């Protein structure tokens, strides 16, 4: 349990360090990253859907 707490503390420290970006992004870059994020979420949802169809069919 202590290792889990230490891991969560370390993750919190890393998140706090990178909370504010160090570089400035243009609107086009932000838009591209948003599209990429949505695309990747869509791919994961398709994989989950395919997995569920395979599992429920067999």
PDB file of N, CA and C in Angstrom:
ATOM      1  N   UNK A   1       0.829  -1.187   0.000  1.00  0.00           N
ATOM      2  CA  UNK A   1       0.000   0.000   0.000  1.00  0.00           C
ATOM      3  C   UNK A   1       0.877   1.255   0.000  1.00  0.00           C
ATOM      4  N   UNK A   2       1.998   1.193   0.693  1.00  0.00           N
ATOM      5  CA  UNK A   2       2.894   2.331   0.768  1.00  0.00           C
ATOM      6  C   UNK A   2       3.519   2.620  -0.599  1.00  0.00           C
ATOM      7  N   UNK A   3       3.794   1.558  -1.382  1.00  0.00           N
ATOM      8  CA  UNK A   3       4.363   1.748  -2.717  1.00  0.00           C
ATOM      9  C   UNK A   3       3.360   2.430  -3.635  1.00  0.00           C
ATOM     10  N   UNK A   4       2.090   2.091  -3.485  1.00  0.00           N
ATOM     11  CA  UNK A   4       1.054   2.717  -4.301  1.00  0.00           C
ATOM     12  C   UNK A   4       0.965   4.205  -3.975  1.00  0.00           C
ATOM     13  N   UNK A   5       1.021   4.540  -2.707  1.00  0.00           N
ATOM     14  CA  UNK A   5       0.961   5.945  -2.288  1.00  0.00           C
ATOM     15  C   UNK A   5       2.175   6.707  -2.825  1.00  0.00           C
ATOM     16  N   UNK A   6       3.350   6.094  -2.761  1.00  0.00           N
ATOM     17  CA  UNK A   6       4.557   6.740  -3.276  1.00  0.00           C
ATOM     18  C   UNK A   6       4.452   6.952  -4.788  1.00  0.00           C
ATOM     19  N   UNK A   7       3.903   5.975  -5.491  1.00  0.00           N
ATOM     20  CA  UNK A   7       3.736   6.095  -6.936  1.00  0.00           C
ATOM     21  C   UNK A   7       2.761   7.216  -7.271  1.00  0.00           C
ATOM     22  N   UNK A   8       1.640   7.276  -6.564  1.00  0.00           N
ATOM     23  CA  UNK A   8       0.659   8.329  -6.805  1.00  0.00           C
ATOM     24  C   UNK A   8       1.229   9.708  -6.476  1.00  0.00           C
ATOM     25  N   UNK A   9       2.040   9.798  -5.453  1.00  0.00           N
ATOM     26  CA  UNK A   9       2.688  11.067  -5.109  1.00  0.00           C
ATOM     27  C   UNK A   9       3.639  11.490  -6.213  1.00  0.00           C
ATOM     28  N   UNK A  10       4.406  10.550  -6.732  1.00  0.00           N
ATOM     29  CA  UNK A  10       5.349  10.844  -7.817  1.00  0.00           C
ATOM     30  C   UNK A  10       4.605  11.297  -9.076  1.00  0.00           C
ATOM     31  N   UNK A  11       3.505  10.636  -9.395  1.00  0.00           N
ATOM     32  CA  UNK A  11       2.703  11.026 -10.557  1.00  0.00           C
ATOM     33  C   UNK A  11       2.145  12.429 -10.360  1.00  0.00           C
ATOM     34  N   UNK A  12       1.691  12.741  -9.153  1.00  0.00           N
ATOM     35  CA  UNK A  12       1.194  14.085  -8.856  1.00  0.00           C
ATOM     36  C   UNK A  12       2.262  15.142  -9.028  1.00  0.00           C
ATOM     37  N   UNK A  13       3.493  14.827  -8.623  1.00  0.00           N
ATOM     38  CA  UNK A  13       4.600  15.772  -8.791  1.00  0.00           C
ATOM     39  C   UNK A  13       4.906  16.004 -10.272  1.00  0.00           C
ATOM     40  N   UNK A  14       4.880  14.948 -11.059  1.00  0.00           N
ATOM     41  CA  UNK A  14       5.143  15.071 -12.492  1.00  0.00           C
ATOM     42  C   UNK A  14       4.041  15.895 -13.151  1.00  0.00           C
ATOM     43  N   UNK A  15       2.788  15.633 -12.793  1.00  0.00           N
ATOM     44  CA  UNK A  15       1.678  16.401 -13.359  1.00  0.00           C
ATOM     45  C   UNK A  15       1.777  17.872 -12.982  1.00  0.00           C
ATOM     46  N   UNK A  16       2.175  18.173 -11.757  1.00  0.00           N
ATOM     47  CA  UNK A  16       2.317  19.568 -11.327  1.00  0.00           C
ATOM     48  C   UNK A  16       3.425  20.260 -12.104  1.00  0.00           C
ATOM     49  N   UNK A  17       4.509  19.552 -12.399  1.00  0.00           N
ATOM     50  CA  UNK A  17       5.633  20.144 -13.112  1.00  0.00           C
ATOM     51  C   UNK A  17       5.267  20.506 -14.545  1.00  0.00           C
ATOM     52  N   UNK A  18       4.452  19.667 -15.191  1.00  0.00           N
ATOM     53  CA  UNK A  18       4.126  19.883 -16.600  1.00  0.00           C
ATOM     54  C   UNK A  18       2.727  20.458 -16.806  1.00  0.00           C
ATOM     55  N   UNK A  19       2.118  20.994 -15.767  1.00  0.00           N
ATOM     56  CA  UNK A  19       0.765  21.544 -15.885  1.00  0.00           C
ATOM     57  C   UNK A  19       0.721  22.726 -16.848  1.00  0.00           C
ATOM     58  N   UNK A  20       1.715  23.601 -16.769  1.00  0.00           N
ATOM     59  CA  UNK A  20       1.760  24.752 -17.672  1.00  0.00           C
ATOM     60  C   UNK A  20       2.766  24.467 -18.778  1.00  0.00           C
ATOM     61  N   UNK A  21       2.344  24.649 -20.043  1.00  0.00           N
ATOM     62  CA  UNK A  21       3.263  24.363 -21.155  1.00  0.00           C
ATOM     63  C   UNK A  21       4.400  25.370 -21.204  1.00  0.00           C
ATOM     64  N   UNK A  22       5.556  24.898 -21.622  1.00  0.00           N
ATOM     65  CA  UNK A  22       6.738  25.759 -21.704  1.00  0.00           C
ATOM     66  C   UNK A  22       6.882  26.407 -23.075  1.00  0.00           C
ATOM     67  N   UNK A  23       6.138  25.923 -24.050  1.00  0.00           N
ATOM     68  CA  UNK A  23       6.221  26.496 -25.390  1.00  0.00           C
ATOM     69  C   UNK A  23       4.844  27.031 -25.781  1.00  0.00           C
ATOM     70  N   UNK A  24       4.839  28.004 -26.651  1.00  0.00           N
ATOM     71  CA  UNK A  24       3.583  28.573 -27.131  1.00  0.00           C
ATOM     72  C   UNK A  24       3.132  27.808 -28.371  1.00  0.00           C
ATOM     73  N   UNK A  25       1.837  27.479 -28.410  1.00  0.00           N
ATOM     74  CA  UNK A  25       1.289  26.760 -29.552  1.00  0.00           C
ATOM     75  C   UNK A  25       0.338  27.675 -30.309  1.00  0.00           C
ATOM     76  N   UNK A  26       0.392  27.595 -31.619  1.00  0.00           N
ATOM     77  CA  UNK A  26      -0.532  28.372 -32.433  1.00  0.00           C
ATOM     78  C   UNK A  26      -1.894  27.678 -32.441  1.00  0.00           C
ATOM     79  N   UNK A  27      -2.873  28.374 -32.953  1.00  0.00           N
ATOM     80  CA  UNK A  27      -4.210  27.799 -33.041  1.00  0.00           C
ATOM     81  C   UNK A  27      -4.261  26.566 -33.931  1.00  0.00           C
ATOM     82  N   UNK A  28      -3.458  26.590 -35.008  1.00  0.00           N
ATOM     83  CA  UNK A  28      -3.425  25.440 -35.917  1.00  0.00           C
ATOM     84  C   UNK A  28      -2.864  24.208 -35.218  1.00  0.00           C
ATOM     85  N   UNK A  29      -1.849  24.401 -34.401  1.00  0.00           N
ATOM     86  CA  UNK A  29      -1.261  23.276 -33.675  1.00  0.00           C
ATOM     87  C   UNK A  29      -2.256  22.731 -32.660  1.00  0.00           C
ATOM     88  N   UNK A  30      -2.923  23.612 -31.934  1.00  0.00           N
ATOM     89  CA  UNK A  30      -3.931  23.160 -30.969  1.00  0.00           C
ATOM     90  C   UNK A  30      -5.057  22.402 -31.662  1.00  0.00           C
ATOM     91  N   UNK A  31      -5.500  22.923 -32.806  1.00  0.00           N
ATOM     92  CA  UNK A  31      -6.556  22.248 -33.563  1.00  0.00           C
ATOM     93  C   UNK A  31      -6.116  20.885 -34.066  1.00  0.00           C
ATOM     94  N   UNK A  32      -4.886  20.802 -34.551  1.00  0.00           N
ATOM     95  CA  UNK A  32      -4.363  19.525 -35.039  1.00  0.00           C
ATOM     96  C   UNK A  32      -4.262  18.507 -33.913  1.00  0.00           C
ATOM     97  N   UNK A  33      -3.812  18.952 -32.759  1.00  0.00           N
ATOM     98  CA  UNK A  33      -3.716  18.039 -31.619  1.00  0.00           C
ATOM     99  C   UNK A  33      -5.095  17.571 -31.156  1.00  0.00           C
ATOM    100  N   UNK A  34      -6.078  18.458 -31.217  1.00  0.00           N
ATOM    101  CA  UNK A  34      -7.437  18.071 -30.852  1.00  0.00           C
ATOM    102  C   UNK A  34      -7.983  17.024 -31.819  1.00  0.00           C
ATOM    103  N   UNK A  35      -7.764  17.239 -33.120  1.00  0.00           N
ATOM    104  CA  UNK A  35      -8.215  16.265 -34.117  1.00  0.00           C
ATOM    105  C   UNK A  35      -7.516  14.930 -33.911  1.00  0.00           C
ATOM    106  N   UNK A  36      -6.225  14.960 -33.649  1.00  0.00           N
ATOM    107  CA  UNK A  36      -5.476  13.722 -33.408  1.00  0.00           C
ATOM    108  C   UNK A  36      -5.995  13.003 -32.170  1.00  0.00           C
ATOM    109  N   UNK A  37      -6.272  13.744 -31.111  1.00  0.00           N
ATOM    110  CA  UNK A  37      -6.798  13.138 -29.887  1.00  0.00           C
ATOM    111  C   UNK A  37      -8.152  12.475 -30.151  1.00  0.00           C
ATOM    112  N   UNK A  38      -9.035  13.165 -30.885  1.00  0.00           N
ATOM    113  CA  UNK A  38     -10.346  12.585 -31.208  1.00  0.00           C
ATOM    114  C   UNK A  38     -10.200  11.350 -32.089  1.00  0.00           C
ATOM    115  N   UNK A  39      -9.270  11.394 -33.037  1.00  0.00           N
ATOM    116  CA  UNK A  39      -9.014  10.251 -33.908  1.00  0.00           C
ATOM    117  C   UNK A  39      -8.555   9.037 -33.096  1.00  0.00           C
ATOM    118  N   UNK A  40      -7.630   9.260 -32.175  1.00  0.00           N
ATOM    119  CA  UNK A  40      -7.126   8.152 -31.358  1.00  0.00           C
ATOM    120  C   UNK A  40      -8.212   7.598 -30.444  1.00  0.00           C
ATOM    121  N   UNK A  41      -9.038   8.460 -29.884  1.00  0.00           N
ATOM    122  CA  UNK A  41     -10.154   7.986 -29.053  1.00  0.00           C
ATOM    123  C   UNK A  41     -11.103   7.157 -29.907  1.00  0.00           C
ATOM    124  N   UNK A  42     -11.367   7.611 -31.130  1.00  0.00           N
ATOM    125  CA  UNK A  42     -12.225   6.845 -32.039  1.00  0.00           C
ATOM    126  C   UNK A  42     -11.645   5.473 -32.340  1.00  0.00           C
ATOM    127  N   UNK A  43     -10.341   5.400 -32.561  1.00  0.00           N
ATOM    128  CA  UNK A  43      -9.712   4.107 -32.824  1.00  0.00           C
ATOM    129  C   UNK A  43      -9.834   3.163 -31.627  1.00  0.00           C
ATOM    130  N   UNK A  44      -9.631   3.696 -30.439  1.00  0.00           N
ATOM    131  CA  UNK A  44      -9.754   2.867 -29.233  1.00  0.00           C
ATOM    132  C   UNK A  44     -11.187   2.378 -29.084  1.00  0.00           C
ATOM    133  N   UNK A  45     -12.161   3.253 -29.334  1.00  0.00           N
ATOM    134  CA  UNK A  45     -13.561   2.833 -29.243  1.00  0.00           C
ATOM    135  C   UNK A  45     -13.882   1.741 -30.265  1.00  0.00           C
ATOM    136  N   UNK A  46     -13.338   1.861 -31.471  1.00  0.00           N
ATOM    137  CA  UNK A  46     -13.546   0.813 -32.470  1.00  0.00           C
ATOM    138  C   UNK A  46     -12.923  -0.513 -32.040  1.00  0.00           C
ATOM    139  N   UNK A  47     -11.754  -0.457 -31.445  1.00  0.00           N
ATOM    140  CA  UNK A  47     -11.118  -1.691 -30.964  1.00  0.00           C
ATOM    141  C   UNK A  47     -11.934  -2.320 -29.838  1.00  0.00           C
ATOM    142  N   UNK A  48     -12.430  -1.517 -28.932  1.00  0.00           N
ATOM    143  CA  UNK A  48     -13.255  -2.039 -27.837  1.00  0.00           C
ATOM    144  C   UNK A  48     -14.538  -2.641 -28.398  1.00  0.00           C
ATOM    145  N   UNK A  49     -15.152  -1.963 -29.359  1.00  0.00           N
ATOM    146  CA  UNK A  49     -16.367  -2.481 -29.986  1.00  0.00           C
ATOM    147  C   UNK A  49     -16.107  -3.828 -30.666  1.00  0.00           C
ATOM    148  N   UNK A  50     -15.007  -3.917 -31.403  1.00  0.00           N
ATOM    149  CA  UNK A  50     -14.664  -5.178 -32.057  1.00  0.00           C
ATOM    150  C   UNK A  50     -14.389  -6.278 -31.045  1.00  0.00           C
ATOM    151  N   UNK A  51     -13.714  -5.943 -29.955  1.00  0.00           N
ATOM    152  CA  UNK A  51     -13.434  -6.937 -28.912  1.00  0.00           C
ATOM    153  C   UNK A  51     -14.739  -7.440 -28.293  1.00  0.00           C
ATOM    154  N   UNK A  52     -15.647  -6.527 -28.000  1.00  0.00           N
ATOM    155  CA  UNK A  52     -16.922  -6.920 -27.381  1.00  0.00           C
ATOM    156  C   UNK A  52     -17.715  -7.795 -28.342  1.00  0.00           C
ATOM    157  N   UNK A  53     -17.706  -7.463 -29.629  1.00  0.00           N
ATOM    158  CA  UNK A  53     -18.441  -8.291 -30.605  1.00  0.00           C
ATOM    159  C   UNK A  53     -17.850  -9.693 -30.686  1.00  0.00           C
ATOM    160  N   UNK A  54     -16.519  -9.794 -30.656  1.00  0.00           N
ATOM    161  CA  UNK A  54     -15.882 -11.107 -30.731  1.00  0.00           C
ATOM    162  C   UNK A  54     -16.185 -11.926 -29.480  1.00  0.00           C
ATOM    163  N   UNK A  55     -16.114 -11.291 -28.315  1.00  0.00           N
ATOM    164  CA  UNK A  55     -16.334 -12.002 -27.058  1.00  0.00           C
ATOM    165  C   UNK A  55     -17.785 -12.441 -26.932  1.00  0.00           C
ATOM    166  N   UNK A  56     -18.730 -11.593 -27.293  1.00  0.00           N
ATOM    167  CA  UNK A  56     -20.141 -11.944 -27.118  1.00  0.00           C
ATOM    168  C   UNK A  56     -20.605 -12.932 -28.169  1.00  0.00           C
ATOM    169  N   UNK A  57     -19.952 -12.987 -29.316  1.00  0.00           N
ATOM    170  CA  UNK A  57     -20.346 -13.928 -30.369  1.00  0.00           C
ATOM    171  C   UNK A  57     -19.925 -15.348 -30.012  1.00  0.00           C
ATOM    172  N   UNK A  58     -18.752 -15.466 -29.331  1.00  0.00           N
ATOM    173  CA  UNK A  58     -18.224 -16.797 -29.040  1.00  0.00           C
ATOM    174  C   UNK A  58     -18.535 -17.194 -27.686  1.00  0.00           C
TER     175      UNK A  58
END
